[in-house]
């Protein structure tokens, strides 16, 4: 019968609902559809936030590492952290 929250609606969307595609008519009983997606593309970025603290003021370095099943090896970036007194 379609999606009860949006009237008559048929299609597919990603897990968080930020991307999807609808089909214009109801699928015929017994028919099957395949959702075909492509892998991620290079060049994207992602931010990860976190809290850090220190008992003394100063500038410190933190080594951030990332591994992926899409790219070979481990990416490492030195992230400078500055702690200021309260």
PDB file of N, CA and C in Angstrom:
ATOM      1  N   UNK A   1       0.815  -1.210   0.000  1.00  0.00           N
ATOM      2  CA  UNK A   1       0.000   0.000   0.000  1.00  0.00           C
ATOM      3  C   UNK A   1       0.852   1.265   0.000  1.00  0.00           C
ATOM      4  N   UNK A   2       2.159   1.155   0.046  1.00  0.00           N
ATOM      5  CA  UNK A   2       2.990   2.353   0.062  1.00  0.00           C
ATOM      6  C   UNK A   2       3.296   2.795   1.480  1.00  0.00           C
ATOM      7  N   UNK A   3       3.998   3.884   1.599  1.00  0.00           N
ATOM      8  CA  UNK A   3       4.402   4.430   2.893  1.00  0.00           C
ATOM      9  C   UNK A   3       3.223   5.179   3.520  1.00  0.00           C
ATOM     10  N   UNK A   4       2.705   4.724   4.671  1.00  0.00           N
ATOM     11  CA  UNK A   4       1.526   5.360   5.261  1.00  0.00           C
ATOM     12  C   UNK A   4       1.759   6.797   5.712  1.00  0.00           C
ATOM     13  N   UNK A   5       3.028   7.171   5.971  1.00  0.00           N
ATOM     14  CA  UNK A   5       3.318   8.534   6.423  1.00  0.00           C
ATOM     15  C   UNK A   5       3.393   9.543   5.282  1.00  0.00           C
ATOM     16  N   UNK A   6       3.496   9.079   4.049  1.00  0.00           N
ATOM     17  CA  UNK A   6       3.609  10.021   2.931  1.00  0.00           C
ATOM     18  C   UNK A   6       2.628   9.712   1.812  1.00  0.00           C
ATOM     19  N   UNK A   7       1.563   9.009   2.115  1.00  0.00           N
ATOM     20  CA  UNK A   7       0.612   8.648   1.081  1.00  0.00           C
ATOM     21  C   UNK A   7       1.122   7.449   0.304  1.00  0.00           C
ATOM     22  N   UNK A   8       0.811   7.408  -0.947  1.00  0.00           N
ATOM     23  CA  UNK A   8       1.264   6.322  -1.807  1.00  0.00           C
ATOM     24  C   UNK A   8       2.682   6.608  -2.270  1.00  0.00           C
ATOM     25  N   UNK A   9       3.635   5.766  -1.875  1.00  0.00           N
ATOM     26  CA  UNK A   9       5.039   6.015  -2.192  1.00  0.00           C
ATOM     27  C   UNK A   9       5.770   4.685  -2.290  1.00  0.00           C
ATOM     28  N   UNK A  10       6.524   4.477  -3.382  1.00  0.00           N
ATOM     29  CA  UNK A  10       7.299   3.265  -3.556  1.00  0.00           C
ATOM     30  C   UNK A  10       8.700   3.649  -4.003  1.00  0.00           C
ATOM     31  N   UNK A  11       9.703   2.949  -3.492  1.00  0.00           N
ATOM     32  CA  UNK A  11      11.072   3.232  -3.892  1.00  0.00           C
ATOM     33  C   UNK A  11      12.055   2.676  -2.887  1.00  0.00           C
ATOM     34  N   UNK A  12      13.245   3.250  -2.887  1.00  0.00           N
ATOM     35  CA  UNK A  12      14.305   2.814  -1.971  1.00  0.00           C
ATOM     36  C   UNK A  12      15.084   4.046  -1.524  1.00  0.00           C
ATOM     37  N   UNK A  13      15.656   3.968  -0.316  1.00  0.00           N
ATOM     38  CA  UNK A  13      16.500   5.058   0.174  1.00  0.00           C
ATOM     39  C   UNK A  13      17.620   4.476   1.026  1.00  0.00           C
ATOM     40  N   UNK A  14      18.639   5.288   1.267  1.00  0.00           N
ATOM     41  CA  UNK A  14      19.752   4.827   2.096  1.00  0.00           C
ATOM     42  C   UNK A  14      19.322   4.759   3.560  1.00  0.00           C
ATOM     43  N   UNK A  15      20.226   4.277   4.418  1.00  0.00           N
ATOM     44  CA  UNK A  15      19.880   4.032   5.820  1.00  0.00           C
ATOM     45  C   UNK A  15      19.406   5.261   6.572  1.00  0.00           C
ATOM     46  N   UNK A  16      20.041   6.418   6.309  1.00  0.00           N
ATOM     47  CA  UNK A  16      19.652   7.606   7.080  1.00  0.00           C
ATOM     48  C   UNK A  16      18.639   8.488   6.354  1.00  0.00           C
ATOM     49  N   UNK A  17      18.153   8.046   5.192  1.00  0.00           N
ATOM     50  CA  UNK A  17      17.103   8.773   4.489  1.00  0.00           C
ATOM     51  C   UNK A  17      17.559  10.018   3.754  1.00  0.00           C
ATOM     52  N   UNK A  18      18.868  10.196   3.568  1.00  0.00           N
ATOM     53  CA  UNK A  18      19.360  11.402   2.895  1.00  0.00           C
ATOM     54  C   UNK A  18      19.452  11.251   1.386  1.00  0.00           C
ATOM     55  N   UNK A  19      19.255  10.047   0.873  1.00  0.00           N
ATOM     56  CA  UNK A  19      19.306   9.823  -0.571  1.00  0.00           C
ATOM     57  C   UNK A  19      18.342   8.698  -0.918  1.00  0.00           C
ATOM     58  N   UNK A  20      17.622   8.856  -1.984  1.00  0.00           N
ATOM     59  CA  UNK A  20      16.675   7.818  -2.381  1.00  0.00           C
ATOM     60  C   UNK A  20      16.107   8.078  -3.754  1.00  0.00           C
ATOM     61  N   UNK A  21      15.304   7.143  -4.216  1.00  0.00           N
ATOM     62  CA  UNK A  21      14.658   7.268  -5.522  1.00  0.00           C
ATOM     63  C   UNK A  21      13.302   6.601  -5.436  1.00  0.00           C
ATOM     64  N   UNK A  22      12.292   7.283  -5.939  1.00  0.00           N
ATOM     65  CA  UNK A  22      10.946   6.723  -5.994  1.00  0.00           C
ATOM     66  C   UNK A  22      10.640   6.231  -7.400  1.00  0.00           C
ATOM     67  N   UNK A  23       9.739   5.259  -7.477  1.00  0.00           N
ATOM     68  CA  UNK A  23       9.195   4.866  -8.771  1.00  0.00           C
ATOM     69  C   UNK A  23       7.790   5.450  -8.853  1.00  0.00           C
ATOM     70  N   UNK A  24       7.349   5.748 -10.063  1.00  0.00           N
ATOM     71  CA  UNK A  24       6.115   6.530 -10.215  1.00  0.00           C
ATOM     72  C   UNK A  24       4.838   5.722 -10.023  1.00  0.00           C
ATOM     73  N   UNK A  25       4.879   4.430 -10.252  1.00  0.00           N
ATOM     74  CA  UNK A  25       3.665   3.624 -10.111  1.00  0.00           C
ATOM     75  C   UNK A  25       3.924   2.454  -9.173  1.00  0.00           C
ATOM     76  N   UNK A  26       2.860   1.912  -8.647  1.00  0.00           N
ATOM     77  CA  UNK A  26       2.986   0.774  -7.734  1.00  0.00           C
ATOM     78  C   UNK A  26       3.584  -0.420  -8.468  1.00  0.00           C
ATOM     79  N   UNK A  27       4.474  -1.158  -7.800  1.00  0.00           N
ATOM     80  CA  UNK A  27       5.013  -2.355  -8.428  1.00  0.00           C
ATOM     81  C   UNK A  27       3.915  -3.401  -8.602  1.00  0.00           C
ATOM     82  N   UNK A  28       4.019  -4.168  -9.648  1.00  0.00           N
ATOM     83  CA  UNK A  28       3.046  -5.216  -9.928  1.00  0.00           C
ATOM     84  C   UNK A  28       3.342  -6.400  -9.018  1.00  0.00           C
ATOM     85  N   UNK A  29       2.300  -6.995  -8.451  1.00  0.00           N
ATOM     86  CA  UNK A  29       2.489  -8.154  -7.570  1.00  0.00           C
ATOM     87  C   UNK A  29       3.333  -9.214  -8.262  1.00  0.00           C
ATOM     88  N   UNK A  30       4.306  -9.758  -7.520  1.00  0.00           N
ATOM     89  CA  UNK A  30       5.153 -10.814  -8.059  1.00  0.00           C
ATOM     90  C   UNK A  30       6.425 -10.314  -8.719  1.00  0.00           C
ATOM     91  N   UNK A  31       6.501  -9.019  -9.010  1.00  0.00           N
ATOM     92  CA  UNK A  31       7.716  -8.484  -9.619  1.00  0.00           C
ATOM     93  C   UNK A  31       8.758  -8.207  -8.538  1.00  0.00           C
ATOM     94  N   UNK A  32      10.023  -8.300  -8.914  1.00  0.00           N
ATOM     95  CA  UNK A  32      11.109  -8.013  -7.991  1.00  0.00           C
ATOM     96  C   UNK A  32      11.957  -6.880  -8.553  1.00  0.00           C
ATOM     97  N   UNK A  33      12.535  -6.093  -7.666  1.00  0.00           N
ATOM     98  CA  UNK A  33      13.402  -4.989  -8.055  1.00  0.00           C
ATOM     99  C   UNK A  33      14.738  -5.145  -7.351  1.00  0.00           C
ATOM    100  N   UNK A  34      15.805  -4.725  -7.997  1.00  0.00           N
ATOM    101  CA  UNK A  34      17.133  -4.745  -7.390  1.00  0.00           C
ATOM    102  C   UNK A  34      17.612  -3.306  -7.247  1.00  0.00           C
ATOM    103  N   UNK A  35      18.132  -2.980  -6.072  1.00  0.00           N
ATOM    104  CA  UNK A  35      18.717  -1.662  -5.839  1.00  0.00           C
ATOM    105  C   UNK A  35      20.214  -1.803  -6.062  1.00  0.00           C
ATOM    106  N   UNK A  36      20.725  -1.086  -7.060  1.00  0.00           N
ATOM    107  CA  UNK A  36      22.135  -1.171  -7.417  1.00  0.00           C
ATOM    108  C   UNK A  36      22.805   0.138  -7.023  1.00  0.00           C
ATOM    109  N   UNK A  37      23.834   0.049  -6.200  1.00  0.00           N
ATOM    110  CA  UNK A  37      24.551   1.241  -5.761  1.00  0.00           C
ATOM    111  C   UNK A  37      25.999   1.159  -6.205  1.00  0.00           C
ATOM    112  N   UNK A  38      26.662   2.278  -6.190  1.00  0.00           N
ATOM    113  CA  UNK A  38      28.077   2.304  -6.534  1.00  0.00           C
ATOM    114  C   UNK A  38      28.896   2.489  -5.260  1.00  0.00           C
ATOM    115  N   UNK A  39      30.159   2.086  -5.288  1.00  0.00           N
ATOM    116  CA  UNK A  39      30.987   2.260  -4.093  1.00  0.00           C
ATOM    117  C   UNK A  39      31.314   3.731  -3.881  1.00  0.00           C
ATOM    118  N   UNK A  40      31.819   4.083  -2.702  1.00  0.00           N
ATOM    119  CA  UNK A  40      32.206   5.478  -2.449  1.00  0.00           C
ATOM    120  C   UNK A  40      33.262   5.942  -3.450  1.00  0.00           C
ATOM    121  N   UNK A  41      33.297   7.225  -3.705  1.00  0.00           N
ATOM    122  CA  UNK A  41      34.301   7.775  -4.604  1.00  0.00           C
ATOM    123  C   UNK A  41      35.398   8.460  -3.803  1.00  0.00           C
ATOM    124  N   UNK A  42      36.594   8.455  -4.364  1.00  0.00           N
ATOM    125  CA  UNK A  42      37.738   9.067  -3.690  1.00  0.00           C
ATOM    126  C   UNK A  42      37.550  10.574  -3.593  1.00  0.00           C
ATOM    127  N   UNK A  43      38.208  11.167  -2.616  1.00  0.00           N
ATOM    128  CA  UNK A  43      38.194  12.617  -2.493  1.00  0.00           C
ATOM    129  C   UNK A  43      37.218  13.146  -1.466  1.00  0.00           C
ATOM    130  N   UNK A  44      36.446  12.283  -0.869  1.00  0.00           N
ATOM    131  CA  UNK A  44      35.511  12.728   0.146  1.00  0.00           C
ATOM    132  C   UNK A  44      36.221  13.041   1.446  1.00  0.00           C
ATOM    133  N   UNK A  45      35.499  13.600   2.369  1.00  0.00           N
ATOM    134  CA  UNK A  45      36.089  13.888   3.667  1.00  0.00           C
ATOM    135  C   UNK A  45      35.049  13.634   4.753  1.00  0.00           C
ATOM    136  N   UNK A  46      35.554  13.443   5.946  1.00  0.00           N
ATOM    137  CA  UNK A  46      34.684  13.211   7.090  1.00  0.00           C
ATOM    138  C   UNK A  46      35.335  13.853   8.305  1.00  0.00           C
ATOM    139  N   UNK A  47      34.563  14.512   9.141  1.00  0.00           N
ATOM    140  CA  UNK A  47      35.082  15.110  10.367  1.00  0.00           C
ATOM    141  C   UNK A  47      34.684  14.256  11.551  1.00  0.00           C
ATOM    142  N   UNK A  48      35.617  14.093  12.465  1.00  0.00           N
ATOM    143  CA  UNK A  48      35.354  13.369  13.703  1.00  0.00           C
ATOM    144  C   UNK A  48      35.649  14.318  14.854  1.00  0.00           C
ATOM    145  N   UNK A  49      34.675  14.565  15.693  1.00  0.00           N
ATOM    146  CA  UNK A  49      34.888  15.467  16.829  1.00  0.00           C
ATOM    147  C   UNK A  49      35.130  14.661  18.097  1.00  0.00           C
ATOM    148  N   UNK A  50      35.900  15.232  18.987  1.00  0.00           N
ATOM    149  CA  UNK A  50      36.173  14.585  20.265  1.00  0.00           C
ATOM    150  C   UNK A  50      36.598  15.640  21.273  1.00  0.00           C
ATOM    151  N   UNK A  51      36.540  15.299  22.538  1.00  0.00           N
ATOM    152  CA  UNK A  51      36.981  16.182  23.616  1.00  0.00           C
ATOM    153  C   UNK A  51      38.336  15.698  24.120  1.00  0.00           C
ATOM    154  N   UNK A  52      39.222  16.641  24.396  1.00  0.00           N
ATOM    155  CA  UNK A  52      40.525  16.328  24.982  1.00  0.00           C
ATOM    156  C   UNK A  52      40.808  17.334  26.077  1.00  0.00           C
ATOM    157  N   UNK A  53      41.575  16.910  27.068  1.00  0.00           N
ATOM    158  CA  UNK A  53      41.913  17.836  28.148  1.00  0.00           C
ATOM    159  C   UNK A  53      43.350  17.587  28.591  1.00  0.00           C
ATOM    160  N   UNK A  54      43.910  18.573  29.291  1.00  0.00           N
ATOM    161  CA  UNK A  54      45.268  18.475  29.811  1.00  0.00           C
ATOM    162  C   UNK A  54      45.333  19.220  31.135  1.00  0.00           C
ATOM    163  N   UNK A  55      46.210  18.782  32.009  1.00  0.00           N
ATOM    164  CA  UNK A  55      46.377  19.455  33.297  1.00  0.00           C
ATOM    165  C   UNK A  55      47.274  20.668  33.183  1.00  0.00           C
ATOM    166  N   UNK A  56      47.981  20.818  32.052  1.00  0.00           N
ATOM    167  CA  UNK A  56      48.836  21.994  31.875  1.00  0.00           C
ATOM    168  C   UNK A  56      48.624  22.584  30.489  1.00  0.00           C
ATOM    169  N   UNK A  57      48.838  23.891  30.401  1.00  0.00           N
ATOM    170  CA  UNK A  57      48.678  24.599  29.134  1.00  0.00           C
ATOM    171  C   UNK A  57      49.857  24.301  28.222  1.00  0.00           C
ATOM    172  N   UNK A  58      49.644  24.459  26.928  1.00  0.00           N
ATOM    173  CA  UNK A  58      50.726  24.258  25.966  1.00  0.00           C
ATOM    174  C   UNK A  58      50.201  23.773  24.635  1.00  0.00           C
ATOM    175  N   UNK A  59      51.127  23.510  23.730  1.00  0.00           N
ATOM    176  CA  UNK A  59      50.780  22.974  22.417  1.00  0.00           C
ATOM    177  C   UNK A  59      51.258  21.531  22.356  1.00  0.00           C
ATOM    178  N   UNK A  60      50.375  20.661  21.930  1.00  0.00           N
ATOM    179  CA  UNK A  60      50.658  19.231  21.885  1.00  0.00           C
ATOM    180  C   UNK A  60      50.326  18.708  20.498  1.00  0.00           C
ATOM    181  N   UNK A  61      50.797  17.516  20.186  1.00  0.00           N
ATOM    182  CA  UNK A  61      50.497  16.882  18.905  1.00  0.00           C
ATOM    183  C   UNK A  61      49.778  15.566  19.157  1.00  0.00           C
ATOM    184  N   UNK A  62      48.748  15.323  18.348  1.00  0.00           N
ATOM    185  CA  UNK A  62      48.013  14.065  18.404  1.00  0.00           C
ATOM    186  C   UNK A  62      48.092  13.430  17.020  1.00  0.00           C
ATOM    187  N   UNK A  63      48.363  12.128  16.965  1.00  0.00           N
ATOM    188  CA  UNK A  63      48.445  11.434  15.682  1.00  0.00           C
ATOM    189  C   UNK A  63      47.104  10.781  15.399  1.00  0.00           C
ATOM    190  N   UNK A  64      46.427  11.245  14.348  1.00  0.00           N
ATOM    191  CA  UNK A  64      45.145  10.667  13.935  1.00  0.00           C
ATOM    192  C   UNK A  64      45.414   9.647  12.830  1.00  0.00           C
ATOM    193  N   UNK A  65      44.814   8.470  12.942  1.00  0.00           N
ATOM    194  CA  UNK A  65      44.985   7.414  11.939  1.00  0.00           C
ATOM    195  C   UNK A  65      43.632   6.966  11.419  1.00  0.00           C
ATOM    196  N   UNK A  66      43.616   6.577  10.140  1.00  0.00           N
ATOM    197  CA  UNK A  66      42.396   6.056   9.539  1.00  0.00           C
ATOM    198  C   UNK A  66      42.748   4.876   8.650  1.00  0.00           C
ATOM    199  N   UNK A  67      41.976   3.812   8.767  1.00  0.00           N
ATOM    200  CA  UNK A  67      42.096   2.686   7.842  1.00  0.00           C
ATOM    201  C   UNK A  67      40.744   2.491   7.171  1.00  0.00           C
ATOM    202  N   UNK A  68      40.758   1.860   6.017  1.00  0.00           N
ATOM    203  CA  UNK A  68      39.526   1.674   5.257  1.00  0.00           C
ATOM    204  C   UNK A  68      39.615   0.380   4.469  1.00  0.00           C
ATOM    205  N   UNK A  69      38.473  -0.245   4.228  1.00  0.00           N
ATOM    206  CA  UNK A  69      38.465  -1.425   3.375  1.00  0.00           C
ATOM    207  C   UNK A  69      38.395  -1.030   1.894  1.00  0.00           C
ATOM    208  N   UNK A  70      38.370   0.283   1.618  1.00  0.00           N
ATOM    209  CA  UNK A  70      38.302   0.780   0.240  1.00  0.00           C
ATOM    210  C   UNK A  70      39.671   1.226  -0.265  1.00  0.00           C
ATOM    211  N   UNK A  71      40.517   1.740   0.632  1.00  0.00           N
ATOM    212  CA  UNK A  71      41.838   2.225   0.240  1.00  0.00           C
ATOM    213  C   UNK A  71      42.914   1.420   0.966  1.00  0.00           C
ATOM    214  N   UNK A  72      44.075   1.243   0.321  1.00  0.00           N
ATOM    215  CA  UNK A  72      45.135   0.466   0.963  1.00  0.00           C
ATOM    216  C   UNK A  72      45.873   1.280   2.023  1.00  0.00           C
ATOM    217  N   UNK A  73      46.439   0.585   3.006  1.00  0.00           N
ATOM    218  CA  UNK A  73      47.296   1.223   3.991  1.00  0.00           C
ATOM    219  C   UNK A  73      46.539   1.989   5.057  1.00  0.00           C
ATOM    220  N   UNK A  74      47.303   2.758   5.815  1.00  0.00           N
ATOM    221  CA  UNK A  74      46.771   3.577   6.897  1.00  0.00           C
ATOM    222  C   UNK A  74      47.128   5.030   6.638  1.00  0.00           C
ATOM    223  N   UNK A  75      46.155   5.916   6.694  1.00  0.00           N
ATOM    224  CA  UNK A  75      46.397   7.348   6.549  1.00  0.00           C
ATOM    225  C   UNK A  75      46.662   7.928   7.933  1.00  0.00           C
ATOM    226  N   UNK A  76      47.732   8.704   8.052  1.00  0.00           N
ATOM    227  CA  UNK A  76      48.078   9.319   9.326  1.00  0.00           C
ATOM    228  C   UNK A  76      48.222  10.830   9.143  1.00  0.00           C
ATOM    229  N   UNK A  77      47.681  11.596  10.096  1.00  0.00           N
ATOM    230  CA  UNK A  77      47.787  13.057  10.078  1.00  0.00           C
ATOM    231  C   UNK A  77      48.092  13.516  11.497  1.00  0.00           C
ATOM    232  N   UNK A  78      49.097  14.379  11.635  1.00  0.00           N
ATOM    233  CA  UNK A  78      49.419  14.964  12.929  1.00  0.00           C
ATOM    234  C   UNK A  78      48.491  16.157  13.143  1.00  0.00           C
ATOM    235  N   UNK A  79      47.778  16.148  14.257  1.00  0.00           N
ATOM    236  CA  UNK A  79      46.815  17.205  14.568  1.00  0.00           C
ATOM    237  C   UNK A  79      47.348  17.996  15.761  1.00  0.00           C
ATOM    238  N   UNK A  80      47.629  19.309  15.572  1.00  0.00           N
ATOM    239  CA  UNK A  80      48.105  20.105  16.698  1.00  0.00           C
ATOM    240  C   UNK A  80      46.956  20.459  17.649  1.00  0.00           C
ATOM    241  N   UNK A  81      47.197  20.358  18.941  1.00  0.00           N
ATOM    242  CA  UNK A  81      46.217  20.715  19.958  1.00  0.00           C
ATOM    243  C   UNK A  81      46.805  21.798  20.846  1.00  0.00           C
ATOM    244  N   UNK A  82      46.058  22.858  21.076  1.00  0.00           N
ATOM    245  CA  UNK A  82      46.508  23.945  21.939  1.00  0.00           C
ATOM    246  C   UNK A  82      45.620  23.993  23.163  1.00  0.00           C
ATOM    247  N   UNK A  83      46.224  23.900  24.335  1.00  0.00           N
ATOM    248  CA  UNK A  83      45.495  23.958  25.605  1.00  0.00           C
ATOM    249  C   UNK A  83      45.768  25.317  26.219  1.00  0.00           C
ATOM    250  N   UNK A  84      44.715  26.049  26.537  1.00  0.00           N
ATOM    251  CA  UNK A  84      44.851  27.365  27.155  1.00  0.00           C
ATOM    252  C   UNK A  84      44.364  27.282  28.604  1.00  0.00           C
ATOM    253  N   UNK A  85      44.992  28.048  29.503  1.00  0.00           N
ATOM    254  CA  UNK A  85      44.549  28.014  30.909  1.00  0.00           C
ATOM    255  C   UNK A  85      43.162  28.620  31.054  1.00  0.00           C
ATOM    256  N   UNK A  86      42.418  28.135  32.037  1.00  0.00           N
ATOM    257  CA  UNK A  86      41.082  28.663  32.301  1.00  0.00           C
ATOM    258  C   UNK A  86      41.150  29.877  33.172  1.00  0.00           C
TER     259      UNK A  86
END
